[in-house]
Amino acid sequence: MLFLSSKHVIINYFRTMLTAKGIYKRYGHLTVLKGVDIAVNKGEIVSIVGSSGAGKSTLLHILGTLDKADQGQIIINGQQLDLLNGRKLSAFRNRHIGFVFQFHHLLPEFTALENVCIPGWIAGDKKKEVVIKATALLTTLGLADRLENKPQQLSGGEQQRVAVARALINNPSIVMADEPTGNLDSANARELHQLFIDLRNKFDQTFLIVTHNEELAKMSDRILMMKDGLMSK
């Protein structure tokens, strides 16, 4: 079954990377998500937009297994996530989901290279192989001369590129980005937008992005609008 997206990207359900159905989330008496359905195709860049409080970040955190839905089903790369818990869920998250946040969340005591290597080392991959791969990623992202710099020695744009490399180190099924340009100036924001497109084109990387940045959203393959805890039709 096929359908045509708003930018004429053909979505093939046999290549769907993420599917979520009937996602509900409540905090006390407040229902933040009211039965959200979403599907993202492999190699697709999808942006979720909407006003503050619409539930965008809550949805992203649930899809990324950083938070738990009260109800609903999530499948990433063929794995039904509600069937996993504890260490198995953590291991799946580490291997299959990359994260990019607004404030980078780099560890200040480690170098750029070490920050990128950490998820690979946690996954149990050979240390030397992880270092080689992290070096290659940082070089691809234009940071070959910043490998030994700590976060405080990097610009905001450089820190965000380190965060992108860290998100990619384990060859994730999908990268989830929460307001990735929210802490960047316009020039660095545009560079990050283009970087996402380049990574998709080169590696068929899948991205799901929550953003208020209209320019970033317009560069995506599809834009999904959230309003009052639901995807707007």
Protein backbone atom coordinates (compact mmCIF):
# COMPACT_ATOMS: atom_id res chain seq x y z
CA MET A 1 0.00 0.00 0.00
CA LEU A 2 1.37 3.42 -0.99
CA PHE A 3 0.47 7.00 -0.36
CA LEU A 4 1.97 10.29 -1.52
CA SER A 5 3.33 12.70 1.05
CA SER A 6 3.05 16.48 0.93
CA LYS A 7 6.42 16.64 -0.88
CA HIS A 8 5.68 13.74 -3.22
CA VAL A 9 7.82 11.23 -1.35
CA ILE A 10 6.29 7.80 -1.82
CA ILE A 11 5.76 6.02 1.47
CA ASN A 12 5.85 2.22 1.27
CA TYR A 13 4.41 0.47 4.30
CA PHE A 14 6.75 -2.45 3.70
CA ARG A 15 9.60 -0.02 4.50
CA THR A 16 7.96 1.61 7.51
CA MET A 17 10.58 2.24 10.20
CA LEU A 18 8.27 3.45 12.99
CA THR A 19 4.59 2.89 13.63
CA ALA A 20 2.70 4.07 16.68
CA LYS A 21 -1.03 3.61 17.27
CA GLY A 22 -3.37 4.99 19.90
CA ILE A 23 -0.74 6.68 22.08
CA TYR A 24 -2.21 8.16 25.26
CA LYS A 25 -0.37 9.95 28.04
CA ARG A 26 -1.85 11.45 31.17
CA TYR A 27 -0.31 13.45 33.98
CA GLY A 28 -2.82 13.43 36.80
CA HIS A 29 -6.08 14.82 35.43
CA LEU A 30 -4.37 16.28 32.36
CA THR A 31 -4.42 14.16 29.19
CA VAL A 32 -1.46 15.31 27.09
CA LEU A 33 -1.73 12.75 24.28
CA LYS A 34 -5.19 11.63 23.21
CA GLY A 35 -4.69 8.66 20.92
CA VAL A 36 -1.88 9.66 18.55
CA ASP A 37 -1.17 7.60 15.42
CA ILE A 38 2.02 8.10 13.41
CA ALA A 39 4.07 6.21 10.80
CA VAL A 40 7.55 7.13 9.55
CA ASN A 41 9.16 5.48 6.54
CA LYS A 42 12.80 4.37 6.35
CA GLY A 43 14.96 7.16 4.94
CA GLU A 44 12.28 9.78 5.54
CA ILE A 45 12.67 13.11 7.34
CA VAL A 46 9.46 13.96 9.20
CA SER A 47 8.94 17.11 11.25
CA ILE A 48 6.30 17.49 13.96
CA VAL A 49 5.16 21.07 14.49
CA GLY A 50 2.56 22.77 16.65
CA SER A 51 2.17 25.29 19.43
CA SER A 52 3.82 24.88 22.83
CA GLY A 53 1.87 22.44 24.96
CA ALA A 54 0.50 20.49 22.00
CA GLY A 55 2.29 17.34 23.16
CA LYS A 56 5.11 17.20 20.58
CA SER A 57 8.05 16.59 22.91
CA THR A 58 6.03 14.23 25.10
CA LEU A 59 5.23 12.15 22.03
CA LEU A 60 8.88 12.12 20.89
CA HIS A 61 10.09 11.01 24.32
CA ILE A 62 7.53 8.19 24.38
CA LEU A 63 8.42 7.06 20.86
CA GLY A 64 12.08 7.10 21.90
CA THR A 65 11.29 5.03 25.04
CA LEU A 66 12.52 7.82 27.33
CA ASP A 67 8.98 7.95 28.76
CA LYS A 68 6.17 5.41 28.79
CA ALA A 69 2.71 5.74 27.28
CA ASP A 70 -0.34 4.94 29.37
CA GLN A 71 -1.83 3.21 26.36
CA GLY A 72 -0.89 2.38 22.77
CA GLN A 73 1.53 0.39 20.66
CA ILE A 74 4.94 1.36 19.24
CA ILE A 75 6.91 -0.65 16.68
CA ILE A 76 10.41 0.37 15.54
CA ASN A 77 12.20 -1.63 12.87
CA GLY A 78 9.79 -4.51 13.38
CA GLN A 79 10.20 -4.68 17.17
CA GLN A 80 7.11 -4.11 19.32
CA LEU A 81 8.50 -2.04 22.18
CA ASP A 82 5.88 -2.78 24.81
CA LEU A 83 7.14 -6.38 24.78
CA LEU A 84 10.52 -5.16 26.08
CA ASN A 85 11.46 -3.85 29.50
CA GLY A 86 14.45 -3.22 31.70
CA ARG A 87 17.80 -4.10 30.17
CA LYS A 88 16.30 -5.37 26.91
CA LEU A 89 14.54 -2.04 26.33
CA SER A 90 17.68 -0.08 27.23
CA ALA A 91 19.76 -2.21 24.87
CA PHE A 92 17.25 -1.71 22.05
CA ARG A 93 17.22 2.05 22.63
CA ASN A 94 21.01 2.21 22.59
CA ARG A 95 21.26 0.26 19.34
CA HIS A 96 18.27 1.48 17.38
CA ILE A 97 17.44 5.04 18.48
CA GLY A 98 19.72 8.07 18.23
CA PHE A 99 18.86 11.30 20.05
CA VAL A 100 19.67 14.94 19.38
CA PHE A 101 18.46 17.47 21.93
CA GLN A 102 18.30 21.25 22.02
CA PHE A 103 21.00 21.57 24.69
CA HIS A 104 23.35 18.88 23.30
CA HIS A 105 23.76 17.01 26.64
CA LEU A 106 27.45 16.38 26.03
CA LEU A 107 29.45 15.21 29.04
CA PRO A 108 31.80 18.12 29.91
CA GLU A 109 34.62 15.99 31.30
CA PHE A 110 35.05 14.06 28.05
CA THR A 111 36.43 15.10 24.67
CA ALA A 112 34.33 15.32 21.53
CA LEU A 113 35.69 11.94 20.41
CA GLU A 114 34.95 10.31 23.77
CA ASN A 115 31.41 11.74 23.85
CA VAL A 116 30.71 10.16 20.49
CA CYS A 117 32.27 6.84 21.48
CA ILE A 118 30.31 6.35 24.72
CA PRO A 119 27.12 4.79 23.21
CA GLY A 120 29.27 2.36 21.21
CA TRP A 121 31.24 1.36 24.28
CA ILE A 122 28.01 0.92 26.26
CA ALA A 123 26.78 -1.38 23.49
CA GLY A 124 29.85 -3.55 24.06
CA ASP A 125 31.55 -2.92 20.73
CA LYS A 126 35.35 -3.16 20.54
CA LYS A 127 36.91 0.03 21.85
CA LYS A 128 39.34 0.51 18.97
CA GLU A 129 36.65 -0.05 16.33
CA VAL A 130 34.36 2.47 18.02
CA VAL A 131 37.15 5.06 18.08
CA ILE A 132 37.82 4.54 14.37
CA LYS A 133 34.14 4.91 13.53
CA ALA A 134 33.67 7.96 15.79
CA THR A 135 36.71 9.62 14.21
CA ALA A 136 35.29 8.98 10.75
CA LEU A 137 31.90 10.42 11.75
CA LEU A 138 33.38 13.56 13.28
CA THR A 139 35.59 14.02 10.22
CA THR A 140 32.56 13.67 7.94
CA LEU A 141 30.82 16.33 10.02
CA GLY A 142 33.75 18.72 9.65
CA LEU A 143 35.24 18.25 13.11
CA ALA A 144 38.50 16.46 12.33
CA ASP A 145 40.47 19.16 14.14
CA ARG A 146 38.19 19.12 17.21
CA LEU A 147 38.50 15.48 18.30
CA GLU A 148 40.36 16.24 21.53
CA ASN A 149 38.42 19.38 22.42
CA LYS A 150 36.01 19.27 25.35
CA PRO A 151 32.48 20.68 24.92
CA GLN A 152 33.29 24.04 26.53
CA GLN A 153 35.98 24.53 23.88
CA LEU A 154 33.47 24.12 21.03
CA SER A 155 30.97 26.53 19.53
CA GLY A 156 27.26 25.82 19.80
CA GLY A 157 27.14 24.56 16.23
CA GLU A 158 30.16 22.32 16.79
CA GLN A 159 28.64 20.89 19.96
CA GLN A 160 25.46 20.05 18.09
CA ARG A 161 27.42 18.28 15.35
CA VAL A 162 29.17 16.22 18.03
CA ALA A 163 25.72 15.35 19.36
CA VAL A 164 24.65 14.28 15.85
CA ALA A 165 27.75 12.07 15.53
CA ARG A 166 26.96 10.53 18.91
CA ALA A 167 23.40 9.84 17.73
CA LEU A 168 24.76 8.03 14.66
CA ILE A 169 27.55 5.96 16.22
CA ASN A 170 25.48 2.77 16.59
CA ASN A 171 23.87 2.97 13.14
CA PRO A 172 20.41 3.66 14.61
CA SER A 173 17.20 2.72 12.89
CA ILE A 174 15.91 6.24 13.54
CA VAL A 175 17.26 9.53 14.91
CA MET A 176 14.85 11.55 17.05
CA ALA A 177 15.61 15.25 17.42
CA ASP A 178 13.85 17.51 19.93
CA GLU A 179 14.17 21.19 18.94
CA PRO A 180 17.69 20.53 17.56
CA THR A 181 18.14 24.12 16.34
CA GLY A 182 16.54 25.80 19.34
CA ASN A 183 19.89 26.82 20.82
CA LEU A 184 21.64 27.72 17.54
CA ASP A 185 21.97 30.93 15.56
CA SER A 186 20.41 31.06 12.09
CA ALA A 187 23.63 30.17 10.23
CA ASN A 188 24.32 27.10 12.36
CA ALA A 189 20.66 26.13 12.20
CA ARG A 190 20.75 26.14 8.40
CA GLU A 191 23.93 24.02 8.45
CA LEU A 192 22.24 21.48 10.73
CA HIS A 193 19.18 21.36 8.46
CA GLN A 194 21.39 20.58 5.49
CA LEU A 195 23.35 18.03 7.52
CA PHE A 196 20.18 16.04 8.21
CA ILE A 197 19.36 16.01 4.49
CA ASP A 198 22.90 14.98 3.57
CA LEU A 199 22.84 12.12 6.09
CA ARG A 200 19.52 10.92 4.76
CA ASN A 201 20.75 11.06 1.18
CA LYS A 202 24.07 9.35 1.96
CA PHE A 203 23.01 6.73 4.52
CA ASP A 204 19.22 6.47 4.04
CA GLN A 205 18.98 7.67 7.64
CA THR A 206 15.50 8.16 9.12
CA PHE A 207 14.75 11.32 11.14
CA LEU A 208 11.80 12.34 13.31
CA ILE A 209 12.13 15.97 14.38
CA VAL A 210 10.13 18.14 16.77
CA THR A 211 10.69 21.77 15.86
CA HIS A 212 9.34 25.30 15.97
CA ASN A 213 11.74 26.24 13.18
CA GLU A 214 9.64 26.75 10.05
CA GLU A 215 12.68 26.62 7.77
CA LEU A 216 13.72 23.21 9.12
CA ALA A 217 10.17 21.90 8.88
CA LYS A 218 9.85 23.01 5.25
CA MET A 219 13.03 21.09 4.35
CA SER A 220 11.49 17.86 5.66
CA ASP A 221 9.72 15.30 3.48
CA ARG A 222 6.57 15.60 5.52
CA ILE A 223 5.20 17.97 8.15
CA LEU A 224 2.82 16.67 10.82
CA MET A 225 0.82 19.19 12.85
CA MET A 226 -0.03 18.47 16.47
CA LYS A 227 -2.85 20.26 18.22
CA ASP A 228 -4.32 19.54 21.65
CA GLY A 229 -2.68 16.14 21.95
CA LEU A 230 -3.65 14.84 18.52
CA MET A 231 -2.29 14.88 15.01
CA SER A 232 -4.25 17.55 13.17
CA LYS A 233 -5.97 16.36 9.98
